[in-house]
Amino acid sequence: RAAEGHEFASHTWDHAYWRGDLKGVEPRFRIRPSAGAFAGREFTWDAK
């Protein structure tokens, strides 16, 4: 596809669904990956 001239960009590695923001000083989110080893489980991630 690259040889044909298409462009590419990220869709997140684990197809990680944003589920909602968490209150606090530092940005933190509820995340649920739909791919990978942790698919279907909910986590709290920070911006990093």
ModelCIF file with pLDDT and N, C-alpha, C, O atoms, coordinates in Angstrom:
data_MODEL
#
_entry.id   MODEL 
#
_entity.id                         1 
_entity.type                       polymer 
_entity.pdbx_number_of_molecules   1 
#
_entity_poly.entity_id                      1 
_entity_poly.type                           'polypeptide(L)' 
_entity_poly.nstd_linkage                   no 
_entity_poly.nstd_monomer                   no 
_entity_poly.pdbx_seq_one_letter_code       RAAEGHEFASHTWDHAYWRGDLKGVEPRFRIRPSAGAFAGREFTWDAK 
_entity_poly.pdbx_seq_one_letter_code_can   RAAEGHEFASHTWDHAYWRGDLKGVEPRFRIRPSAGAFAGREFTWDAK 
_entity_poly.pdbx_strand_id                 A 
#
loop_
_entity_poly_seq.entity_id 
_entity_poly_seq.num 
_entity_poly_seq.mon_id 
_entity_poly_seq.hetero 
1 1  ARG n 
1 2  ALA n 
1 3  ALA n 
1 4  GLU n 
1 5  GLY n 
1 6  HIS n 
1 7  GLU n 
1 8  PHE n 
1 9  ALA n 
1 10 SER n 
1 11 HIS n 
1 12 THR n 
1 13 TRP n 
1 14 ASP n 
1 15 HIS n 
1 16 ALA n 
1 17 TYR n 
1 18 TRP n 
1 19 ARG n 
1 20 GLY n 
1 21 ASP n 
1 22 LEU n 
1 23 LYS n 
1 24 GLY n 
1 25 VAL n 
1 26 GLU n 
1 27 PRO n 
1 28 ARG n 
1 29 PHE n 
1 30 ARG n 
1 31 ILE n 
1 32 ARG n 
1 33 PRO n 
1 34 SER n 
1 35 ALA n 
1 36 GLY n 
1 37 ALA n 
1 38 PHE n 
1 39 ALA n 
1 40 GLY n 
1 41 ARG n 
1 42 GLU n 
1 43 PHE n 
1 44 THR n 
1 45 TRP n 
1 46 ASP n 
1 47 ALA n 
1 48 LYS n 
#
_struct_asym.id          A 
_struct_asym.entity_id   1 
#
loop_
_ma_qa_metric.id 
_ma_qa_metric.mode 
_ma_qa_metric.name 
_ma_qa_metric.software_group_id 
_ma_qa_metric.type 
1 global pLDDT . pLDDT 
2 local  pLDDT . pLDDT 
#
_ma_qa_metric_global.metric_id      1 
_ma_qa_metric_global.metric_value   90.10 
_ma_qa_metric_global.model_id       1 
_ma_qa_metric_global.ordinal_id     1 
#
loop_
_ma_qa_metric_local.label_asym_id 
_ma_qa_metric_local.label_comp_id 
_ma_qa_metric_local.label_seq_id 
_ma_qa_metric_local.metric_id 
_ma_qa_metric_local.metric_value 
_ma_qa_metric_local.model_id 
_ma_qa_metric_local.ordinal_id 
A ARG 1  2 97.00 1 1  
A ALA 2  2 97.00 1 2  
A ALA 3  2 97.00 1 3  
A GLU 4  2 97.00 1 4  
A GLY 5  2 96.00 1 5  
A HIS 6  2 97.00 1 6  
A GLU 7  2 97.00 1 7  
A PHE 8  2 97.00 1 8  
A ALA 9  2 97.00 1 9  
A SER 10 2 97.00 1 10 
A HIS 11 2 96.00 1 11 
A THR 12 2 96.00 1 12 
A TRP 13 2 96.00 1 13 
A ASP 14 2 95.00 1 14 
A HIS 15 2 94.00 1 15 
A ALA 16 2 93.00 1 16 
A TYR 17 2 89.00 1 17 
A TRP 18 2 85.00 1 18 
A ARG 19 2 79.00 1 19 
A GLY 20 2 79.00 1 20 
A ASP 21 2 82.00 1 21 
A LEU 22 2 83.00 1 22 
A LYS 23 2 78.00 1 23 
A GLY 24 2 76.00 1 24 
A VAL 25 2 70.00 1 25 
A GLU 26 2 81.00 1 26 
A PRO 27 2 83.00 1 27 
A ARG 28 2 89.00 1 28 
A PHE 29 2 87.00 1 29 
A ARG 30 2 88.00 1 30 
A ILE 31 2 91.00 1 31 
A ARG 32 2 90.00 1 32 
A PRO 33 2 92.00 1 33 
A SER 34 2 90.00 1 34 
A ALA 35 2 91.00 1 35 
A GLY 36 2 90.00 1 36 
A ALA 37 2 90.00 1 37 
A PHE 38 2 90.00 1 38 
A ALA 39 2 89.00 1 39 
A GLY 40 2 87.00 1 40 
A ARG 41 2 91.00 1 41 
A GLU 42 2 90.00 1 42 
A PHE 43 2 93.00 1 43 
A THR 44 2 94.00 1 44 
A TRP 45 2 94.00 1 45 
A ASP 46 2 92.00 1 46 
A ALA 47 2 90.00 1 47 
A LYS 48 2 93.00 1 48 
#
loop_
_atom_site.group_PDB 
_atom_site.id 
_atom_site.type_symbol 
_atom_site.label_atom_id 
_atom_site.label_alt_id 
_atom_site.label_comp_id 
_atom_site.label_asym_id 
_atom_site.label_entity_id 
_atom_site.label_seq_id 
_atom_site.pdbx_PDB_ins_code 
_atom_site.Cartn_x 
_atom_site.Cartn_y 
_atom_site.Cartn_z 
_atom_site.occupancy 
_atom_site.B_iso_or_equiv 
_atom_site.pdbx_formal_charge 
_atom_site.auth_seq_id 
_atom_site.auth_comp_id 
_atom_site.auth_asym_id 
_atom_site.auth_atom_id 
_atom_site.pdbx_PDB_model_num 
ATOM 1   N N  . ARG A 1 1  ? 0.833   -1.207 0.000  1.00 97.00 ? 1  ARG A N  1 
ATOM 2   C CA . ARG A 1 1  ? 0.000   0.000  0.000  1.00 97.00 ? 1  ARG A CA 1 
ATOM 3   C C  . ARG A 1 1  ? 0.869   1.259  0.000  1.00 97.00 ? 1  ARG A C  1 
ATOM 4   O O  . ARG A 1 1  ? 0.520   2.259  -0.627 1.00 97.00 ? 1  ARG A O  1 
ATOM 5   N N  . ALA A 1 2  ? 1.989   1.206  0.699  1.00 97.00 ? 2  ALA A N  1 
ATOM 6   C CA . ALA A 1 2  ? 2.908   2.347  0.693  1.00 97.00 ? 2  ALA A CA 1 
ATOM 7   C C  . ALA A 1 2  ? 3.460   2.580  -0.702 1.00 97.00 ? 2  ALA A C  1 
ATOM 8   O O  . ALA A 1 2  ? 3.590   3.722  -1.143 1.00 97.00 ? 2  ALA A O  1 
ATOM 9   N N  . ALA A 1 3  ? 3.785   1.491  -1.398 1.00 97.00 ? 3  ALA A N  1 
ATOM 10  C CA . ALA A 1 3  ? 4.312   1.615  -2.756 1.00 97.00 ? 3  ALA A CA 1 
ATOM 11  C C  . ALA A 1 3  ? 3.298   2.234  -3.706 1.00 97.00 ? 3  ALA A C  1 
ATOM 12  O O  . ALA A 1 3  ? 3.671   2.853  -4.703 1.00 97.00 ? 3  ALA A O  1 
ATOM 13  N N  . GLU A 1 4  ? 2.013   2.067  -3.397 1.00 97.00 ? 4  GLU A N  1 
ATOM 14  C CA . GLU A 1 4  ? 0.955   2.636  -4.241 1.00 97.00 ? 4  GLU A CA 1 
ATOM 15  C C  . GLU A 1 4  ? 0.673   4.102  -3.910 1.00 97.00 ? 4  GLU A C  1 
ATOM 16  O O  . GLU A 1 4  ? -0.089  4.764  -4.614 1.00 97.00 ? 4  GLU A O  1 
ATOM 17  N N  . GLY A 1 5  ? 1.291   4.609  -2.836 1.00 96.00 ? 5  GLY A N  1 
ATOM 18  C CA . GLY A 1 5  ? 1.161   6.032  -2.532 1.00 96.00 ? 5  GLY A CA 1 
ATOM 19  C C  . GLY A 1 5  ? 0.154   6.386  -1.460 1.00 96.00 ? 5  GLY A C  1 
ATOM 20  O O  . GLY A 1 5  ? -0.196  7.556  -1.304 1.00 96.00 ? 5  GLY A O  1 
ATOM 21  N N  . HIS A 1 6  ? -0.323  5.388  -0.710 1.00 97.00 ? 6  HIS A N  1 
ATOM 22  C CA . HIS A 1 6  ? -1.278  5.680  0.353  1.00 97.00 ? 6  HIS A CA 1 
ATOM 23  C C  . HIS A 1 6  ? -0.576  6.272  1.573  1.00 97.00 ? 6  HIS A C  1 
ATOM 24  O O  . HIS A 1 6  ? 0.645   6.178  1.702  1.00 97.00 ? 6  HIS A O  1 
ATOM 25  N N  . GLU A 1 7  ? -1.353  6.880  2.462  1.00 97.00 ? 7  GLU A N  1 
ATOM 26  C CA . GLU A 1 7  ? -0.836  7.438  3.708  1.00 97.00 ? 7  GLU A CA 1 
ATOM 27  C C  . GLU A 1 7  ? -1.311  6.599  4.886  1.00 97.00 ? 7  GLU A C  1 
ATOM 28  O O  . GLU A 1 7  ? -2.246  5.806  4.774  1.00 97.00 ? 7  GLU A O  1 
ATOM 29  N N  . PHE A 1 8  ? -0.624  6.802  6.045  1.00 97.00 ? 8  PHE A N  1 
ATOM 30  C CA . PHE A 1 8  ? -0.906  5.961  7.211  1.00 97.00 ? 8  PHE A CA 1 
ATOM 31  C C  . PHE A 1 8  ? -0.884  6.801  8.481  1.00 97.00 ? 8  PHE A C  1 
ATOM 32  O O  . PHE A 1 8  ? -0.200  7.822  8.551  1.00 97.00 ? 8  PHE A O  1 
ATOM 33  N N  . ALA A 1 9  ? -1.643  6.358  9.490  1.00 97.00 ? 9  ALA A N  1 
ATOM 34  C CA . ALA A 1 9  ? -1.642  7.025  10.787 1.00 97.00 ? 9  ALA A CA 1 
ATOM 35  C C  . ALA A 1 9  ? -2.153  6.046  11.841 1.00 97.00 ? 9  ALA A C  1 
ATOM 36  O O  . ALA A 1 9  ? -2.714  5.001  11.513 1.00 97.00 ? 9  ALA A O  1 
ATOM 37  N N  . SER A 1 10 ? -1.953  6.396  13.099 1.00 97.00 ? 10 SER A N  1 
ATOM 38  C CA . SER A 1 10 ? -2.262  5.496  14.214 1.00 97.00 ? 10 SER A CA 1 
ATOM 39  C C  . SER A 1 10 ? -3.747  5.501  14.572 1.00 97.00 ? 10 SER A C  1 
ATOM 40  O O  . SER A 1 10 ? -4.440  6.515  14.483 1.00 97.00 ? 10 SER A O  1 
ATOM 41  N N  . HIS A 1 11 ? -4.194  4.318  14.979 1.00 96.00 ? 11 HIS A N  1 
ATOM 42  C CA . HIS A 1 11 ? -5.559  4.119  15.474 1.00 96.00 ? 11 HIS A CA 1 
ATOM 43  C C  . HIS A 1 11 ? -5.506  3.567  16.910 1.00 96.00 ? 11 HIS A C  1 
ATOM 44  O O  . HIS A 1 11 ? -6.462  2.953  17.384 1.00 96.00 ? 11 HIS A O  1 
ATOM 45  N N  . THR A 1 12 ? -4.365  3.798  17.597 1.00 96.00 ? 12 THR A N  1 
ATOM 46  C CA . THR A 1 12 ? -3.944  3.205  18.879 1.00 96.00 ? 12 THR A CA 1 
ATOM 47  C C  . THR A 1 12 ? -3.548  1.745  18.643 1.00 96.00 ? 12 THR A C  1 
ATOM 48  O O  . THR A 1 12 ? -4.097  1.083  17.762 1.00 96.00 ? 12 THR A O  1 
ATOM 49  N N  . TRP A 1 13 ? -2.611  1.256  19.420 1.00 96.00 ? 13 TRP A N  1 
ATOM 50  C CA . TRP A 1 13 ? -2.119  -0.113 19.233 1.00 96.00 ? 13 TRP A CA 1 
ATOM 51  C C  . TRP A 1 13 ? -3.176  -1.146 19.611 1.00 96.00 ? 13 TRP A C  1 
ATOM 52  O O  . TRP A 1 13 ? -3.411  -2.095 18.864 1.00 96.00 ? 13 TRP A O  1 
ATOM 53  N N  . ASP A 1 14 ? -3.810  -0.966 20.761 1.00 95.00 ? 14 ASP A N  1 
ATOM 54  C CA . ASP A 1 14 ? -4.765  -1.957 21.275 1.00 95.00 ? 14 ASP A CA 1 
ATOM 55  C C  . ASP A 1 14 ? -6.214  -1.633 20.938 1.00 95.00 ? 14 ASP A C  1 
ATOM 56  O O  . ASP A 1 14 ? -7.135  -2.166 21.556 1.00 95.00 ? 14 ASP A O  1 
ATOM 57  N N  . HIS A 1 15 ? -6.414  -0.755 19.954 1.00 94.00 ? 15 HIS A N  1 
ATOM 58  C CA . HIS A 1 15 ? -7.776  -0.305 19.634 1.00 94.00 ? 15 HIS A CA 1 
ATOM 59  C C  . HIS A 1 15 ? -8.489  0.038  20.942 1.00 94.00 ? 15 HIS A C  1 
ATOM 60  O O  . HIS A 1 15 ? -9.538  -0.516 21.272 1.00 94.00 ? 15 HIS A O  1 
ATOM 61  N N  . ALA A 1 16 ? -7.878  0.972  21.674 1.00 93.00 ? 16 ALA A N  1 
ATOM 62  C CA . ALA A 1 16 ? -8.280  1.271  23.045 1.00 93.00 ? 16 ALA A CA 1 
ATOM 63  C C  . ALA A 1 16 ? -9.403  2.297  23.080 1.00 93.00 ? 16 ALA A C  1 
ATOM 64  O O  . ALA A 1 16 ? -9.232  3.443  22.664 1.00 93.00 ? 16 ALA A O  1 
ATOM 65  N N  . TYR A 1 17 ? -10.544 1.870  23.579 1.00 89.00 ? 17 TYR A N  1 
ATOM 66  C CA . TYR A 1 17 ? -11.712 2.728  23.672 1.00 89.00 ? 17 TYR A CA 1 
ATOM 67  C C  . TYR A 1 17 ? -11.587 3.674  24.867 1.00 89.00 ? 17 TYR A C  1 
ATOM 68  O O  . TYR A 1 17 ? -11.323 3.240  25.988 1.00 89.00 ? 17 TYR A O  1 
ATOM 69  N N  . TRP A 1 18 ? -11.778 4.955  24.617 1.00 85.00 ? 18 TRP A N  1 
ATOM 70  C CA . TRP A 1 18 ? -11.906 5.919  25.703 1.00 85.00 ? 18 TRP A CA 1 
ATOM 71  C C  . TRP A 1 18 ? -13.295 5.771  26.298 1.00 85.00 ? 18 TRP A C  1 
ATOM 72  O O  . TRP A 1 18 ? -14.291 5.834  25.577 1.00 85.00 ? 18 TRP A O  1 
ATOM 73  N N  . ARG A 1 19 ? -13.369 5.572  27.622 1.00 79.00 ? 19 ARG A N  1 
ATOM 74  C CA . ARG A 1 19 ? -14.649 5.347  28.289 1.00 79.00 ? 19 ARG A CA 1 
ATOM 75  C C  . ARG A 1 19 ? -15.092 6.538  29.141 1.00 79.00 ? 19 ARG A C  1 
ATOM 76  O O  . ARG A 1 19 ? -16.263 6.635  29.508 1.00 79.00 ? 19 ARG A O  1 
ATOM 77  N N  . GLY A 1 20 ? -14.168 7.437  29.454 1.00 79.00 ? 20 GLY A N  1 
ATOM 78  C CA . GLY A 1 20 ? -14.545 8.602  30.241 1.00 79.00 ? 20 GLY A CA 1 
ATOM 79  C C  . GLY A 1 20 ? -13.347 9.190  30.964 1.00 79.00 ? 20 GLY A C  1 
ATOM 80  O O  . GLY A 1 20 ? -12.374 8.492  31.246 1.00 79.00 ? 20 GLY A O  1 
ATOM 81  N N  . ASP A 1 21 ? -13.428 10.478 31.260 1.00 82.00 ? 21 ASP A N  1 
ATOM 82  C CA . ASP A 1 21 ? -12.382 11.152 32.029 1.00 82.00 ? 21 ASP A CA 1 
ATOM 83  C C  . ASP A 1 21 ? -12.581 10.918 33.522 1.00 82.00 ? 21 ASP A C  1 
ATOM 84  O O  . ASP A 1 21 ? -13.707 10.748 33.990 1.00 82.00 ? 21 ASP A O  1 
ATOM 85  N N  . LEU A 1 22 ? -11.479 10.911 34.259 1.00 83.00 ? 22 LEU A N  1 
ATOM 86  C CA . LEU A 1 22 ? -11.520 10.819 35.713 1.00 83.00 ? 22 LEU A CA 1 
ATOM 87  C C  . LEU A 1 22 ? -11.126 12.162 36.306 1.00 83.00 ? 22 LEU A C  1 
ATOM 88  O O  . LEU A 1 22 ? -10.227 12.836 35.804 1.00 83.00 ? 22 LEU A O  1 
ATOM 89  N N  . LYS A 1 23 ? -11.801 12.538 37.370 1.00 78.00 ? 23 LYS A N  1 
ATOM 90  C CA . LYS A 1 23 ? -11.509 13.818 38.007 1.00 78.00 ? 23 LYS A CA 1 
ATOM 91  C C  . LYS A 1 23 ? -10.152 13.757 38.699 1.00 78.00 ? 23 LYS A C  1 
ATOM 92  O O  . LYS A 1 23 ? -9.784  12.735 39.278 1.00 78.00 ? 23 LYS A O  1 
ATOM 93  N N  . GLY A 1 24 ? -9.426  14.840 38.634 1.00 76.00 ? 24 GLY A N  1 
ATOM 94  C CA . GLY A 1 24 ? -8.113  14.906 39.270 1.00 76.00 ? 24 GLY A CA 1 
ATOM 95  C C  . GLY A 1 24 ? -7.262  15.968 38.618 1.00 76.00 ? 24 GLY A C  1 
ATOM 96  O O  . GLY A 1 24 ? -7.641  16.556 37.605 1.00 76.00 ? 24 GLY A O  1 
ATOM 97  N N  . VAL A 1 25 ? -6.095  16.211 39.214 1.00 70.00 ? 25 VAL A N  1 
ATOM 98  C CA . VAL A 1 25 ? -5.187  17.223 38.680 1.00 70.00 ? 25 VAL A CA 1 
ATOM 99  C C  . VAL A 1 25 ? -4.569  16.754 37.372 1.00 70.00 ? 25 VAL A C  1 
ATOM 100 O O  . VAL A 1 25 ? -4.566  17.491 36.386 1.00 70.00 ? 25 VAL A O  1 
ATOM 101 N N  . GLU A 1 26 ? -4.045  15.535 37.357 1.00 81.00 ? 26 GLU A N  1 
ATOM 102 C CA . GLU A 1 26 ? -3.428  14.981 36.160 1.00 81.00 ? 26 GLU A CA 1 
ATOM 103 C C  . GLU A 1 26 ? -4.498  14.323 35.281 1.00 81.00 ? 26 GLU A C  1 
ATOM 104 O O  . GLU A 1 26 ? -5.392  13.656 35.801 1.00 81.00 ? 26 GLU A O  1 
ATOM 105 N N  . PRO A 1 27 ? -4.419  14.500 33.973 1.00 83.00 ? 27 PRO A N  1 
ATOM 106 C CA . PRO A 1 27 ? -5.398  13.847 33.089 1.00 83.00 ? 27 PRO A CA 1 
ATOM 107 C C  . PRO A 1 27 ? -5.315  12.321 33.198 1.00 83.00 ? 27 PRO A C  1 
ATOM 108 O O  . PRO A 1 27 ? -4.255  11.733 32.983 1.00 83.00 ? 27 PRO A O  1 
ATOM 109 N N  . ARG A 1 28 ? -6.422  11.700 33.528 1.00 89.00 ? 28 ARG A N  1 
ATOM 110 C CA . ARG A 1 28 ? -6.513  10.248 33.591 1.00 89.00 ? 28 ARG A CA 1 
ATOM 111 C C  . ARG A 1 28 ? -7.843  9.834  32.972 1.00 89.00 ? 28 ARG A C  1 
ATOM 112 O O  . ARG A 1 28 ? -8.835  10.559 33.048 1.00 89.00 ? 28 ARG A O  1 
ATOM 113 N N  . PHE A 1 29 ? -7.840  8.640  32.351 1.00 87.00 ? 29 PHE A N  1 
ATOM 114 C CA . PHE A 1 29 ? -8.994  8.203  31.590 1.00 87.00 ? 29 PHE A CA 1 
ATOM 115 C C  . PHE A 1 29 ? -9.326  6.750  31.923 1.00 87.00 ? 29 PHE A C  1 
ATOM 116 O O  . PHE A 1 29 ? -8.460  5.960  32.298 1.00 87.00 ? 29 PHE A O  1 
ATOM 117 N N  . ARG A 1 30 ? -10.600 6.431  31.773 1.00 88.00 ? 30 ARG A N  1 
ATOM 118 C CA . ARG A 1 30 ? -11.012 5.029  31.793 1.00 88.00 ? 30 ARG A CA 1 
ATOM 119 C C  . ARG A 1 30 ? -10.895 4.515  30.359 1.00 88.00 ? 30 ARG A C  1 
ATOM 120 O O  . ARG A 1 30 ? -11.458 5.092  29.429 1.00 88.00 ? 30 ARG A O  1 
ATOM 121 N N  . ILE A 1 31 ? -10.157 3.421  30.201 1.00 91.00 ? 31 ILE A N  1 
ATOM 122 C CA . ILE A 1 31 ? -9.843  2.882  28.875 1.00 91.00 ? 31 ILE A CA 1 
ATOM 123 C C  . ILE A 1 31 ? -10.213 1.401  28.839 1.00 91.00 ? 31 ILE A C  1 
ATOM 124 O O  . ILE A 1 31 ? -9.978  0.671  29.802 1.00 91.00 ? 31 ILE A O  1 
ATOM 125 N N  . ARG A 1 32 ? -10.792 0.968  27.726 1.00 90.00 ? 32 ARG A N  1 
ATOM 126 C CA . ARG A 1 32 ? -11.056 -0.458 27.532 1.00 90.00 ? 32 ARG A CA 1 
ATOM 127 C C  . ARG A 1 32 ? -10.501 -0.887 26.173 1.00 90.00 ? 32 ARG A C  1 
ATOM 128 O O  . ARG A 1 32 ? -11.091 -0.553 25.146 1.00 90.00 ? 32 ARG A O  1 
ATOM 129 N N  . PRO A 1 33 ? -9.387  -1.614 26.138 1.00 92.00 ? 33 PRO A N  1 
ATOM 130 C CA . PRO A 1 33 ? -8.882  -2.136 24.859 1.00 92.00 ? 33 PRO A CA 1 
ATOM 131 C C  . PRO A 1 33 ? -9.864  -3.154 24.277 1.00 92.00 ? 33 PRO A C  1 
ATOM 132 O O  . PRO A 1 33 ? -10.494 -3.910 25.017 1.00 92.00 ? 33 PRO A O  1 
ATOM 133 N N  . SER A 1 34 ? -9.987  -3.168 22.963 1.00 90.00 ? 34 SER A N  1 
ATOM 134 C CA . SER A 1 34 ? -10.804 -4.192 22.304 1.00 90.00 ? 34 SER A CA 1 
ATOM 135 C C  . SER A 1 34 ? -9.933  -5.157 21.509 1.00 90.00 ? 34 SER A C  1 
ATOM 136 O O  . SER A 1 34 ? -10.447 -6.018 20.795 1.00 90.00 ? 34 SER A O  1 
ATOM 137 N N  . ALA A 1 35 ? -8.602  -5.013 21.633 1.00 91.00 ? 35 ALA A N  1 
ATOM 138 C CA . ALA A 1 35 ? -7.659  -5.916 20.971 1.00 91.00 ? 35 ALA A CA 1 
ATOM 139 C C  . ALA A 1 35 ? -6.500  -6.178 21.933 1.00 91.00 ? 35 ALA A C  1 
ATOM 140 O O  . ALA A 1 35 ? -6.321  -5.465 22.921 1.00 91.00 ? 35 ALA A O  1 
ATOM 141 N N  . GLY A 1 36 ? -5.728  -7.201 21.631 1.00 90.00 ? 36 GLY A N  1 
ATOM 142 C CA . GLY A 1 36 ? -4.568  -7.504 22.460 1.00 90.00 ? 36 GLY A CA 1 
ATOM 143 C C  . GLY A 1 36 ? -4.895  -8.390 23.648 1.00 90.00 ? 36 GLY A C  1 
ATOM 144 O O  . GLY A 1 36 ? -6.021  -8.866 23.796 1.00 90.00 ? 36 GLY A O  1 
ATOM 145 N N  . ALA A 1 37 ? -3.889  -8.604 24.496 1.00 90.00 ? 37 ALA A N  1 
ATOM 146 C CA . ALA A 1 37 ? -4.016  -9.531 25.620 1.00 90.00 ? 37 ALA A CA 1 
ATOM 147 C C  . ALA A 1 37 ? -5.028  -9.070 26.662 1.00 90.00 ? 37 ALA A C  1 
ATOM 148 O O  . ALA A 1 37 ? -5.558  -9.890 27.412 1.00 90.00 ? 37 ALA A O  1 
ATOM 149 N N  . PHE A 1 38 ? -5.301  -7.776 26.717 1.00 90.00 ? 38 PHE A N  1 
ATOM 150 C CA . PHE A 1 38 ? -6.185  -7.247 27.756 1.00 90.00 ? 38 PHE A CA 1 
ATOM 151 C C  . PHE A 1 38 ? -7.531  -6.771 27.184 1.00 90.00 ? 38 PHE A C  1 
ATOM 152 O O  . PHE A 1 38 ? -8.206  -5.935 27.785 1.00 90.00 ? 38 PHE A O  1 
ATOM 153 N N  . ALA A 1 39 ? -7.905  -7.304 26.040 1.00 89.00 ? 39 ALA A N  1 
ATOM 154 C CA . ALA A 1 39 ? -9.156  -6.902 25.397 1.00 89.00 ? 39 ALA A CA 1 
ATOM 155 C C  . ALA A 1 39 ? -10.347 -7.165 26.321 1.00 89.00 ? 39 ALA A C  1 
ATOM 156 O O  . ALA A 1 39 ? -10.451 -8.219 26.948 1.00 89.00 ? 39 ALA A O  1 
ATOM 157 N N  . GLY A 1 40 ? -11.234 -6.182 26.384 1.00 87.00 ? 40 GLY A N  1 
ATOM 158 C CA . GLY A 1 40 ? -12.445 -6.322 27.163 1.00 87.00 ? 40 GLY A CA 1 
ATOM 159 C C  . GLY A 1 40 ? -12.322 -5.927 28.622 1.00 87.00 ? 40 GLY A C  1 
ATOM 160 O O  . GLY A 1 40 ? -13.329 -5.848 29.326 1.00 87.00 ? 40 GLY A O  1 
ATOM 161 N N  . ARG A 1 41 ? -11.103 -5.676 29.093 1.00 91.00 ? 41 ARG A N  1 
ATOM 162 C CA . ARG A 1 41 ? -10.906 -5.265 30.487 1.00 91.00 ? 41 ARG A CA 1 
ATOM 163 C C  . ARG A 1 41 ? -10.764 -3.748 30.569 1.00 91.00 ? 41 ARG A C  1 
ATOM 164 O O  . ARG A 1 41 ? -10.280 -3.112 29.633 1.00 91.00 ? 41 ARG A O  1 
ATOM 165 N N  . GLU A 1 42 ? -11.188 -3.175 31.688 1.00 90.00 ? 42 GLU A N  1 
ATOM 166 C CA . GLU A 1 42 ? -11.135 -1.723 31.830 1.00 90.00 ? 42 GLU A CA 1 
ATOM 167 C C  . GLU A 1 42 ? -9.941  -1.320 32.696 1.00 90.00 ? 42 GLU A C  1 
ATOM 168 O O  . GLU A 1 42 ? -9.660  -1.945 33.719 1.00 90.00 ? 42 GLU A O  1 
ATOM 169 N N  . PHE A 1 43 ? -9.242  -0.259 32.265 1.00 93.00 ? 43 PHE A N  1 
ATOM 170 C CA . PHE A 1 43 ? -8.048  0.234  32.947 1.00 93.00 ? 43 PHE A CA 1 
ATOM 171 C C  . PHE A 1 43 ? -8.136  1.745  33.129 1.00 93.00 ? 43 PHE A C  1 
ATOM 172 O O  . PHE A 1 43 ? -8.951  2.423  32.504 1.00 93.00 ? 43 PHE A O  1 
ATOM 173 N N  . THR A 1 44 ? -7.280  2.242  33.995 1.00 94.00 ? 44 THR A N  1 
ATOM 174 C CA . THR A 1 44 ? -7.096  3.677  34.126 1.00 94.00 ? 44 THR A CA 1 
ATOM 175 C C  . THR A 1 44 ? -5.725  4.028  33.562 1.00 94.00 ? 44 THR A C  1 
ATOM 176 O O  . THR A 1 44 ? -4.708  3.519  34.033 1.00 94.00 ? 44 THR A O  1 
ATOM 177 N N  . TRP A 1 45 ? -5.696  4.895  32.556 1.00 94.00 ? 45 TRP A N  1 
ATOM 178 C CA . TRP A 1 45 ? -4.446  5.341  31.945 1.00 94.00 ? 45 TRP A CA 1 
ATOM 179 C C  . TRP A 1 45 ? -4.276  6.834  32.186 1.00 94.00 ? 45 TRP A C  1 
ATOM 180 O O  . TRP A 1 45 ? -5.243  7.585  32.319 1.00 94.00 ? 45 TRP A O  1 
ATOM 181 N N  . ASP A 1 46 ? -3.007  7.235  32.237 1.00 92.00 ? 46 ASP A N  1 
ATOM 182 C CA . ASP A 1 46 ? -2.728  8.668  32.204 1.00 92.00 ? 46 ASP A CA 1 
ATOM 183 C C  . ASP A 1 46 ? -2.370  9.059  30.774 1.00 92.00 ? 46 ASP A C  1 
ATOM 184 O O  . ASP A 1 46 ? -2.338  8.214  29.879 1.00 92.00 ? 46 ASP A O  1 
ATOM 185 N N  . ALA A 1 47 ? -2.104  10.338 30.569 1.00 90.00 ? 47 ALA A N  1 
ATOM 186 C CA . ALA A 1 47 ? -1.846  10.829 29.216 1.00 90.00 ? 47 ALA A CA 1 
ATOM 187 C C  . ALA A 1 47 ? -0.617  10.167 28.603 1.00 90.00 ? 47 ALA A C  1 
ATOM 188 O O  . ALA A 1 47 ? -0.591  9.891  27.403 1.00 90.00 ? 47 ALA A O  1 
ATOM 189 N N  . LYS A 1 48 ? 0.399   9.913  29.423 1.00 93.00 ? 48 LYS A N  1 
ATOM 190 C CA . LYS A 1 48 ? 1.624   9.302  28.910 1.00 93.00 ? 48 LYS A CA 1 
ATOM 191 C C  . LYS A 1 48 ? 1.362   7.894  28.395 1.00 93.00 ? 48 LYS A C  1 
ATOM 192 O O  . LYS A 1 48 ? 2.284   7.228  27.926 1.00 93.00 ? 48 LYS A O  1 
#
